[in-house]
Amino acid sequence: MADVNTSQNRLKKEAIKAELLEKVEKSQGMVFANYQGLTHQQLEGLKKGLKKVDAEFVAAKNTLLLRALEGKIDVKAEKDKFVQPTAALFIYGDIVEPLKLLSKTIKDFKLPTIKFGFIEGNMVTDKEVVKIATLPPLPVLRAQLLGQMNAPIQGLHRALSWNMTSLVMTLNAIKDKKSV
């Protein structure tokens, strides 16, 4: 009887680990946070908001999270951060929008507490996660970059057209003077 319960429990943990591994593989970024202190309603509100911006907030046992992360990050170096209840924010699309939502939740409730994160393969601290959350969305950043790239060309065009305009105005002035 004990073996049946143990094996069912083990199968359940293996299924959770496989699900977590799939999320780790699919994600562009991960942020780990201590969610302890959030009410069920607050946690569900955060999860709903994150689903809309192509992200997921998953609470799991630390041991299962660590096993799912093996081979992806240096688990031994970060093991000390997996002592209190940990939830992982898996970001599948735009990095900034989910982090903005997480930052808003932290501002509103003073929770969850960010431990650290991995964004596009690079480890980031809790302060860096908050800093990234202040960035404008990706389309706005692209527009700003294009504007910056376009500015020298527009300046050159203005300078070149000013010389032509100046020449035409000078020639018109000479013509007007001769006709008088």
Protein backbone atom coordinates (compact mmCIF):
# COMPACT_ATOMS: atom_id res chain seq x y z
CA MET A 1 0.00 0.00 0.00
CA ALA A 2 2.80 2.44 0.88
CA ASP A 3 4.58 1.60 -2.39
CA VAL A 4 1.50 2.52 -4.45
CA ASN A 5 1.20 5.92 -2.73
CA THR A 6 4.93 6.52 -3.05
CA SER A 7 4.95 5.66 -6.73
CA GLN A 8 1.87 7.82 -7.41
CA ASN A 9 3.51 10.70 -5.55
CA ARG A 10 6.73 10.15 -7.50
CA LEU A 11 4.82 10.08 -10.81
CA LYS A 12 3.06 13.30 -9.87
CA LYS A 13 6.42 14.97 -9.11
CA GLU A 14 7.90 13.69 -12.37
CA ALA A 15 4.94 15.17 -14.27
CA ILE A 16 5.38 18.54 -12.54
CA LYS A 17 9.13 18.47 -13.26
CA ALA A 18 8.46 17.70 -16.95
CA GLU A 19 5.96 20.57 -17.13
CA LEU A 20 8.46 22.95 -15.51
CA LEU A 21 11.20 21.77 -17.87
CA GLU A 22 8.94 22.51 -20.83
CA LYS A 23 8.29 26.04 -19.51
CA VAL A 24 12.02 26.62 -18.96
CA GLU A 25 12.78 25.53 -22.54
CA LYS A 26 10.06 27.76 -23.99
CA SER A 27 10.79 30.92 -22.00
CA GLN A 28 12.81 33.97 -23.09
CA GLY A 29 13.34 34.94 -19.48
CA MET A 30 12.68 33.75 -15.94
CA VAL A 31 12.38 35.70 -12.73
CA PHE A 32 12.29 33.96 -9.37
CA ALA A 33 10.43 35.52 -6.49
CA ASN A 34 9.27 34.77 -2.97
CA TYR A 35 5.48 34.99 -3.16
CA GLN A 36 4.91 34.32 0.55
CA GLY A 37 2.42 36.80 1.99
CA LEU A 38 0.33 37.31 -1.15
CA THR A 39 -3.29 36.34 -0.73
CA HIS A 40 -4.84 33.81 -3.09
CA GLN A 41 -6.85 36.60 -4.74
CA GLN A 42 -3.73 38.75 -5.27
CA LEU A 43 -1.81 35.79 -6.68
CA GLU A 44 -4.63 34.87 -9.07
CA GLY A 45 -4.92 38.50 -10.20
CA LEU A 46 -1.20 38.56 -10.99
CA LYS A 47 -1.44 35.26 -12.88
CA LYS A 48 -4.41 36.51 -14.96
CA GLY A 49 -2.62 39.73 -15.86
CA LEU A 50 0.54 37.86 -16.84
CA LYS A 51 -1.36 35.46 -19.11
CA LYS A 52 -2.50 38.47 -21.16
CA VAL A 53 1.13 39.51 -21.79
CA ASP A 54 2.38 36.02 -22.72
CA ALA A 55 3.91 35.09 -19.37
CA GLU A 56 3.18 32.70 -16.54
CA PHE A 57 3.69 32.82 -12.76
CA VAL A 58 4.17 29.31 -11.38
CA ALA A 59 4.66 28.36 -7.74
CA ALA A 60 6.45 25.06 -7.29
CA LYS A 61 8.57 23.25 -4.74
CA ASN A 62 12.15 24.48 -4.72
CA THR A 63 13.56 21.00 -5.32
CA LEU A 64 11.40 20.55 -8.42
CA LEU A 65 12.37 23.98 -9.74
CA LEU A 66 16.04 23.24 -9.20
CA ARG A 67 15.78 19.91 -11.00
CA ALA A 68 14.01 21.54 -13.95
CA LEU A 69 16.72 24.20 -14.13
CA GLU A 70 19.65 21.75 -14.08
CA GLY A 71 21.72 22.22 -17.21
CA LYS A 72 20.08 25.56 -17.99
CA ILE A 73 21.69 27.65 -15.26
CA ASP A 74 24.42 27.10 -12.70
CA VAL A 75 22.09 25.62 -10.11
CA LYS A 76 24.78 25.06 -7.46
CA ALA A 77 25.69 28.77 -7.45
CA GLU A 78 22.05 29.83 -7.03
CA LYS A 79 20.91 27.04 -4.69
CA ASP A 80 21.08 29.31 -1.63
CA LYS A 81 18.36 31.53 -3.15
CA PHE A 82 15.89 28.63 -3.24
CA VAL A 83 15.26 28.42 0.52
CA GLN A 84 11.90 30.16 0.97
CA PRO A 85 8.79 29.56 -1.14
CA THR A 86 9.68 30.34 -4.73
CA ALA A 87 7.58 31.09 -7.76
CA ALA A 88 8.97 31.41 -11.26
CA LEU A 89 7.82 34.02 -13.72
CA PHE A 90 8.23 32.47 -17.17
CA ILE A 91 8.31 35.11 -19.91
CA TYR A 92 7.56 33.80 -23.39
CA GLY A 93 7.31 36.98 -25.48
CA ASP A 94 8.21 40.60 -24.80
CA ILE A 95 10.37 40.78 -21.67
CA VAL A 96 9.37 44.24 -20.48
CA GLU A 97 5.56 44.01 -20.21
CA PRO A 98 5.47 41.08 -17.72
CA LEU A 99 8.17 42.74 -15.62
CA LYS A 100 6.14 45.98 -15.59
CA LEU A 101 3.15 44.02 -14.29
CA LEU A 102 5.29 42.30 -11.64
CA SER A 103 6.73 45.69 -10.59
CA LYS A 104 3.23 47.16 -10.35
CA THR A 105 2.16 44.27 -8.11
CA ILE A 106 5.22 44.80 -5.92
CA LYS A 107 4.45 48.53 -5.72
CA ASP A 108 0.80 47.86 -4.79
CA PHE A 109 1.29 45.06 -2.25
CA LYS A 110 5.01 45.27 -1.33
CA LEU A 111 5.11 41.62 -2.47
CA PRO A 112 6.36 39.35 -4.03
CA THR A 113 10.07 39.76 -3.32
CA ILE A 114 12.27 39.28 -6.36
CA LYS A 115 15.23 36.96 -5.77
CA PHE A 116 16.97 37.02 -9.18
CA GLY A 117 16.31 36.24 -12.81
CA PHE A 118 17.63 34.95 -16.11
CA ILE A 119 16.87 36.99 -19.18
CA GLU A 120 17.98 35.65 -22.54
CA GLY A 121 20.63 33.50 -20.87
CA ASN A 122 22.09 36.20 -18.62
CA MET A 123 21.67 36.28 -14.86
CA VAL A 124 20.14 39.51 -13.53
CA THR A 125 19.80 40.72 -9.96
CA ASP A 126 16.57 41.88 -8.36
CA LYS A 127 17.60 45.53 -8.94
CA GLU A 128 18.30 44.87 -12.62
CA VAL A 129 14.88 43.22 -13.00
CA VAL A 130 13.23 46.37 -11.64
CA LYS A 131 15.39 48.54 -13.94
CA ILE A 132 14.37 46.49 -17.00
CA ALA A 133 10.72 46.95 -15.99
CA THR A 134 11.13 50.73 -16.41
CA LEU A 135 12.09 50.39 -20.09
CA PRO A 136 9.52 51.27 -22.72
CA PRO A 137 7.93 48.38 -24.65
CA LEU A 138 9.90 46.83 -27.52
CA PRO A 139 7.96 48.58 -30.35
CA VAL A 140 8.63 51.97 -28.72
CA LEU A 141 12.35 51.15 -28.36
CA ARG A 142 12.49 50.17 -32.03
CA ALA A 143 10.79 53.41 -33.05
CA GLN A 144 13.23 55.42 -30.92
CA LEU A 145 16.18 53.60 -32.50
CA LEU A 146 14.87 54.26 -36.02
CA GLY A 147 14.33 57.91 -35.14
CA GLN A 148 17.92 58.17 -33.91
CA MET A 149 19.21 56.47 -37.07
CA ASN A 150 17.10 58.74 -39.28
CA ALA A 151 18.13 62.02 -37.59
CA PRO A 152 21.57 62.41 -39.25
CA ILE A 153 20.09 61.74 -42.69
CA GLN A 154 17.38 64.34 -42.13
CA GLY A 155 20.01 66.83 -40.93
CA LEU A 156 22.11 66.24 -44.03
CA HIS A 157 19.05 66.62 -46.24
CA ARG A 158 18.16 69.90 -44.53
CA ALA A 159 21.73 71.19 -44.89
CA LEU A 160 21.93 70.27 -48.56
CA SER A 161 18.51 71.65 -49.39
CA TRP A 162 19.32 74.87 -47.50
CA ASN A 163 22.30 75.48 -49.81
CA MET A 164 20.07 74.96 -52.85
CA THR A 165 17.35 77.19 -51.41
CA SER A 166 19.94 79.84 -50.57
CA LEU A 167 21.34 79.71 -54.14
CA VAL A 168 17.88 80.04 -55.68
CA MET A 169 17.03 83.00 -53.40
CA THR A 170 20.34 84.71 -54.29
CA LEU A 171 19.78 84.19 -58.02
CA ASN A 172 16.22 85.55 -57.72
CA ALA A 173 17.54 88.60 -55.87
CA ILE A 174 20.12 89.23 -58.65
CA LYS A 175 17.44 88.81 -61.31
CA ASP A 176 15.12 91.24 -59.51
CA LYS A 177 17.95 93.78 -59.13
CA LYS A 178 18.84 93.62 -62.84
CA SER A 179 15.23 93.96 -63.95
CA VAL A 180 14.82 97.19 -61.94
